[in-house]
N, C-alpha and C. Protein backbone atom coordinates (compact mmCIF):
# COMPACT_ATOMS: atom_id res chain seq x y z
N MET A 1 6.29 -7.55 56.99
CA MET A 1 5.26 -8.43 56.44
C MET A 1 3.88 -8.00 56.93
N ASP A 2 3.80 -7.67 58.19
CA ASP A 2 2.52 -7.27 58.77
C ASP A 2 2.02 -5.98 58.14
N VAL A 3 2.93 -5.06 57.86
CA VAL A 3 2.56 -3.79 57.25
C VAL A 3 2.04 -4.01 55.83
N VAL A 4 2.71 -4.86 55.09
CA VAL A 4 2.29 -5.16 53.72
C VAL A 4 0.91 -5.83 53.73
N PHE A 5 0.74 -6.78 54.63
CA PHE A 5 -0.54 -7.50 54.74
C PHE A 5 -1.67 -6.54 55.07
N LYS A 6 -1.47 -5.70 56.09
CA LYS A 6 -2.52 -4.77 56.51
C LYS A 6 -2.83 -3.74 55.42
N SER A 7 -1.80 -3.21 54.77
CA SER A 7 -2.04 -2.19 53.75
C SER A 7 -2.74 -2.78 52.53
N PHE A 8 -2.41 -4.03 52.18
CA PHE A 8 -3.06 -4.65 51.03
C PHE A 8 -4.54 -4.89 51.30
N PHE A 9 -4.85 -5.48 52.44
CA PHE A 9 -6.22 -5.85 52.72
C PHE A 9 -7.09 -4.68 53.15
N LYS A 10 -6.50 -3.62 53.67
CA LYS A 10 -7.30 -2.45 54.03
C LYS A 10 -7.64 -1.61 52.81
N ASN A 11 -6.77 -1.62 51.81
CA ASN A 11 -6.98 -0.80 50.62
C ASN A 11 -7.66 -1.55 49.48
N THR A 12 -7.90 -2.84 49.64
CA THR A 12 -8.49 -3.65 48.59
C THR A 12 -9.96 -3.90 48.91
N PRO A 13 -10.85 -3.73 47.93
CA PRO A 13 -12.27 -4.01 48.17
C PRO A 13 -12.48 -5.48 48.53
N PHE A 14 -13.48 -5.74 49.37
CA PHE A 14 -13.67 -7.10 49.88
C PHE A 14 -14.03 -8.08 48.76
N HIS A 15 -14.76 -7.63 47.73
CA HIS A 15 -15.11 -8.57 46.66
C HIS A 15 -13.86 -8.98 45.86
N LEU A 16 -12.88 -8.10 45.75
CA LEU A 16 -11.63 -8.46 45.07
C LEU A 16 -10.83 -9.46 45.91
N VAL A 17 -10.89 -9.32 47.22
CA VAL A 17 -10.23 -10.29 48.10
C VAL A 17 -10.87 -11.66 47.94
N PHE A 18 -12.20 -11.69 47.82
CA PHE A 18 -12.89 -12.96 47.60
C PHE A 18 -12.48 -13.59 46.27
N VAL A 19 -12.31 -12.79 45.24
CA VAL A 19 -11.87 -13.31 43.93
C VAL A 19 -10.45 -13.86 44.03
N ILE A 20 -9.57 -13.13 44.71
CA ILE A 20 -8.19 -13.60 44.89
C ILE A 20 -8.19 -14.91 45.67
N PHE A 21 -9.02 -15.01 46.69
CA PHE A 21 -9.10 -16.23 47.49
C PHE A 21 -9.58 -17.40 46.64
N THR A 22 -10.61 -17.18 45.84
CA THR A 22 -11.15 -18.25 45.00
C THR A 22 -10.13 -18.73 43.98
N ILE A 23 -9.44 -17.80 43.35
CA ILE A 23 -8.40 -18.18 42.38
C ILE A 23 -7.28 -18.94 43.09
N SER A 24 -6.91 -18.46 44.27
CA SER A 24 -5.85 -19.14 45.02
C SER A 24 -6.26 -20.56 45.40
N GLU A 25 -7.50 -20.75 45.79
CA GLU A 25 -7.96 -22.08 46.19
C GLU A 25 -8.14 -23.02 45.01
N SER A 26 -8.52 -22.50 43.86
CA SER A 26 -8.83 -23.39 42.74
C SER A 26 -7.66 -23.64 41.80
N ILE A 27 -6.78 -22.69 41.63
CA ILE A 27 -5.73 -22.86 40.63
C ILE A 27 -4.36 -23.00 41.28
N PHE A 28 -3.98 -22.04 42.08
CA PHE A 28 -2.61 -22.01 42.57
C PHE A 28 -2.45 -22.69 43.92
N GLY A 29 -3.24 -22.29 44.89
CA GLY A 29 -3.11 -22.83 46.23
C GLY A 29 -1.87 -22.33 46.96
N LEU A 30 -1.34 -21.20 46.52
CA LEU A 30 -0.10 -20.69 47.12
C LEU A 30 -0.35 -19.81 48.34
N ILE A 31 -1.49 -19.16 48.40
CA ILE A 31 -1.79 -18.28 49.52
C ILE A 31 -2.57 -19.07 50.55
N THR A 32 -2.07 -19.11 51.75
CA THR A 32 -2.72 -19.87 52.79
C THR A 32 -4.04 -19.21 53.22
N PRO A 33 -5.07 -19.99 53.48
CA PRO A 33 -6.36 -19.42 53.89
C PRO A 33 -6.29 -18.68 55.22
N ASP A 34 -5.25 -18.93 56.00
CA ASP A 34 -5.12 -18.26 57.29
C ASP A 34 -5.04 -16.74 57.14
N PHE A 35 -4.41 -16.26 56.08
CA PHE A 35 -4.35 -14.82 55.85
C PHE A 35 -5.75 -14.25 55.64
N PHE A 36 -6.56 -14.97 54.93
CA PHE A 36 -7.91 -14.49 54.66
C PHE A 36 -8.78 -14.56 55.91
N ILE A 37 -8.54 -15.55 56.75
CA ILE A 37 -9.27 -15.63 58.01
C ILE A 37 -8.86 -14.48 58.92
N LEU A 38 -7.58 -14.15 58.95
CA LEU A 38 -7.15 -12.97 59.70
C LEU A 38 -7.78 -11.70 59.16
N TRP A 39 -7.90 -11.62 57.85
CA TRP A 39 -8.53 -10.47 57.23
C TRP A 39 -9.98 -10.34 57.66
N SER A 40 -10.65 -11.46 57.85
CA SER A 40 -12.07 -11.42 58.21
C SER A 40 -12.31 -10.87 59.61
N THR A 41 -11.29 -10.85 60.45
CA THR A 41 -11.46 -10.31 61.80
C THR A 41 -11.62 -8.80 61.79
N ASN A 42 -11.37 -8.15 60.67
CA ASN A 42 -11.55 -6.70 60.57
C ASN A 42 -13.02 -6.30 60.43
N PHE A 43 -13.89 -7.27 60.21
CA PHE A 43 -15.30 -6.97 59.98
C PHE A 43 -16.13 -7.24 61.23
N GLU A 44 -17.29 -6.63 61.26
CA GLU A 44 -18.20 -6.81 62.39
C GLU A 44 -18.77 -8.22 62.42
N HIS A 45 -19.13 -8.75 61.27
CA HIS A 45 -19.71 -10.09 61.16
C HIS A 45 -18.64 -11.07 60.68
N THR A 46 -17.72 -11.39 61.57
CA THR A 46 -16.59 -12.25 61.22
C THR A 46 -17.04 -13.62 60.75
N TRP A 47 -18.02 -14.21 61.44
CA TRP A 47 -18.46 -15.56 61.08
C TRP A 47 -19.12 -15.61 59.71
N LEU A 48 -19.78 -14.53 59.33
CA LEU A 48 -20.38 -14.47 57.99
C LEU A 48 -19.28 -14.47 56.93
N ILE A 49 -18.25 -13.69 57.14
CA ILE A 49 -17.14 -13.63 56.19
C ILE A 49 -16.43 -14.99 56.13
N ILE A 50 -16.22 -15.62 57.29
CA ILE A 50 -15.57 -16.93 57.31
C ILE A 50 -16.44 -17.97 56.61
N SER A 51 -17.76 -17.86 56.76
CA SER A 51 -18.67 -18.78 56.06
C SER A 51 -18.58 -18.60 54.55
N VAL A 52 -18.50 -17.36 54.12
CA VAL A 52 -18.34 -17.10 52.68
C VAL A 52 -17.01 -17.67 52.19
N LEU A 53 -15.96 -17.51 52.98
CA LEU A 53 -14.66 -18.08 52.61
C LEU A 53 -14.72 -19.60 52.53
N ALA A 54 -15.47 -20.22 53.45
CA ALA A 54 -15.60 -21.68 53.42
C ALA A 54 -16.31 -22.15 52.16
N VAL A 55 -17.37 -21.45 51.80
CA VAL A 55 -18.11 -21.81 50.57
C VAL A 55 -17.23 -21.61 49.35
N LEU A 56 -16.48 -20.50 49.33
CA LEU A 56 -15.57 -20.25 48.21
C LEU A 56 -14.45 -21.28 48.15
N SER A 57 -13.98 -21.73 49.30
CA SER A 57 -12.94 -22.76 49.33
C SER A 57 -13.47 -24.07 48.76
N TYR A 58 -14.68 -24.43 49.16
CA TYR A 58 -15.29 -25.66 48.63
C TYR A 58 -15.51 -25.53 47.12
N THR A 59 -15.98 -24.37 46.69
CA THR A 59 -16.18 -24.12 45.26
C THR A 59 -14.85 -24.19 44.51
N GLY A 60 -13.81 -23.64 45.12
CA GLY A 60 -12.48 -23.70 44.50
C GLY A 60 -12.00 -25.14 44.34
N GLY A 61 -12.32 -26.00 45.32
CA GLY A 61 -11.98 -27.41 45.20
C GLY A 61 -12.71 -28.08 44.06
N LEU A 62 -13.98 -27.74 43.90
CA LEU A 62 -14.76 -28.30 42.79
C LEU A 62 -14.23 -27.83 41.44
N VAL A 63 -13.87 -26.55 41.38
CA VAL A 63 -13.30 -26.01 40.13
C VAL A 63 -11.98 -26.70 39.83
N SER A 64 -11.15 -26.89 40.84
CA SER A 64 -9.87 -27.57 40.65
C SER A 64 -10.07 -29.00 40.16
N TYR A 65 -11.03 -29.70 40.76
CA TYR A 65 -11.33 -31.07 40.32
C TYR A 65 -11.79 -31.07 38.86
N HIS A 66 -12.65 -30.13 38.50
CA HIS A 66 -13.16 -30.06 37.13
C HIS A 66 -12.04 -29.76 36.14
N ILE A 67 -11.13 -28.88 36.51
CA ILE A 67 -9.99 -28.57 35.64
C ILE A 67 -9.14 -29.83 35.43
N GLY A 68 -8.86 -30.54 36.51
CA GLY A 68 -8.08 -31.77 36.41
C GLY A 68 -8.79 -32.83 35.58
N PHE A 69 -10.11 -32.92 35.74
CA PHE A 69 -10.89 -33.88 34.98
C PHE A 69 -10.84 -33.55 33.49
N GLN A 70 -10.94 -32.27 33.16
CA GLN A 70 -10.89 -31.86 31.76
C GLN A 70 -9.51 -32.09 31.16
N ILE A 71 -8.46 -31.84 31.93
CA ILE A 71 -7.11 -32.11 31.44
C ILE A 71 -6.93 -33.60 31.20
N ARG A 72 -7.51 -34.41 32.07
CA ARG A 72 -7.41 -35.87 31.94
C ARG A 72 -8.11 -36.37 30.68
N GLN A 73 -9.10 -35.64 30.19
CA GLN A 73 -9.84 -36.06 28.99
C GLN A 73 -9.08 -35.79 27.70
N ILE A 74 -8.03 -34.99 27.76
CA ILE A 74 -7.23 -34.72 26.57
C ILE A 74 -6.46 -36.00 26.22
N LYS A 75 -6.55 -36.44 24.99
CA LYS A 75 -5.98 -37.73 24.59
C LYS A 75 -4.47 -37.78 24.76
N LYS A 76 -3.78 -36.67 24.58
CA LYS A 76 -2.33 -36.68 24.70
C LYS A 76 -1.88 -36.84 26.15
N THR A 77 -2.68 -36.42 27.11
CA THR A 77 -2.29 -36.55 28.51
C THR A 77 -2.66 -37.91 29.08
N LYS A 78 -3.59 -38.60 28.47
CA LYS A 78 -4.04 -39.90 29.00
C LYS A 78 -2.92 -40.94 29.04
N PRO A 79 -2.16 -41.16 27.96
CA PRO A 79 -1.08 -42.15 28.03
C PRO A 79 0.00 -41.78 29.05
N LEU A 80 0.31 -40.50 29.16
CA LEU A 80 1.33 -40.08 30.12
C LEU A 80 0.89 -40.39 31.54
N TRP A 81 -0.36 -40.08 31.86
CA TRP A 81 -0.87 -40.34 33.20
C TRP A 81 -0.93 -41.84 33.47
N THR A 82 -1.38 -42.60 32.50
CA THR A 82 -1.50 -44.04 32.69
C THR A 82 -0.14 -44.68 32.90
N GLU A 83 0.85 -44.28 32.11
CA GLU A 83 2.19 -44.85 32.25
C GLU A 83 2.82 -44.47 33.58
N SER A 84 2.62 -43.25 34.01
CA SER A 84 3.29 -42.82 35.23
C SER A 84 2.64 -43.39 36.47
N THR A 85 1.35 -43.65 36.47
CA THR A 85 0.69 -44.12 37.68
C THR A 85 0.40 -45.61 37.67
N ILE A 86 -0.03 -46.13 36.55
CA ILE A 86 -0.44 -47.53 36.50
C ILE A 86 0.59 -48.40 35.81
N GLY A 87 1.39 -47.84 34.93
CA GLY A 87 2.33 -48.62 34.13
C GLY A 87 3.31 -49.43 34.93
N LEU A 88 3.92 -48.84 35.94
CA LEU A 88 4.90 -49.56 36.74
C LEU A 88 4.25 -50.71 37.48
N THR A 89 3.10 -50.48 38.06
CA THR A 89 2.40 -51.53 38.78
C THR A 89 1.99 -52.66 37.85
N THR A 90 1.51 -52.32 36.68
CA THR A 90 1.11 -53.34 35.71
C THR A 90 2.30 -54.19 35.30
N ASN A 91 3.43 -53.57 35.05
CA ASN A 91 4.63 -54.33 34.68
C ASN A 91 5.08 -55.24 35.82
N GLU A 92 5.02 -54.76 37.04
CA GLU A 92 5.40 -55.59 38.19
C GLU A 92 4.47 -56.79 38.33
N ILE A 93 3.18 -56.59 38.10
CA ILE A 93 2.23 -57.70 38.18
C ILE A 93 2.51 -58.72 37.09
N ARG A 94 2.80 -58.25 35.88
CA ARG A 94 3.12 -59.17 34.79
C ARG A 94 4.36 -59.99 35.10
N ILE A 95 5.39 -59.37 35.61
CA ILE A 95 6.63 -60.08 35.95
C ILE A 95 6.36 -61.11 37.04
N TYR A 96 5.62 -60.71 38.08
CA TYR A 96 5.32 -61.63 39.17
C TYR A 96 4.46 -62.79 38.67
N TYR A 97 3.46 -62.47 37.84
CA TYR A 97 2.57 -63.50 37.32
C TYR A 97 3.34 -64.49 36.45
N ASN A 98 4.23 -63.99 35.61
CA ASN A 98 5.04 -64.88 34.76
C ASN A 98 5.97 -65.75 35.58
N LYS A 99 6.52 -65.22 36.65
CA LYS A 99 7.38 -66.03 37.52
C LYS A 99 6.59 -67.15 38.20
N THR A 100 5.37 -66.83 38.64
CA THR A 100 4.58 -67.85 39.32
C THR A 100 4.11 -68.91 38.34
N LEU A 101 3.86 -68.51 37.08
CA LEU A 101 3.49 -69.52 36.08
C LEU A 101 4.65 -70.43 35.76
N ASP A 102 5.87 -69.87 35.71
CA ASP A 102 7.05 -70.68 35.41
C ASP A 102 7.32 -71.69 36.51
N THR A 103 7.08 -71.34 37.75
CA THR A 103 7.37 -72.25 38.85
C THR A 103 6.28 -73.29 39.05
N ARG A 104 5.08 -73.01 38.59
CA ARG A 104 3.99 -73.97 38.77
C ARG A 104 4.07 -75.12 37.80
N PHE A 105 4.64 -74.91 36.64
CA PHE A 105 4.65 -75.99 35.63
C PHE A 105 6.00 -76.57 35.47
């Protein structure tokens, strides 16, 4: 694993590593940021590289939020999301409310 990691990051241009990191942070989230932090120790200005990674991670979070927001705006996904998250709670409230009304009168 260490050999694969070192050979990949030593032979890959740093801007491509930044692109891979951004895509990983915003869409997939499968590659842990720790690998990229380890990669940054190969440079003279480690803190600068880590700062760039932090900004890219924050940007990836914003991109991920925007993608989710846009998916939520699609009319076909709105009922599915509402039923799965709010529907059960709404039904439970209705059942409880109806029971309390029946016992009060």
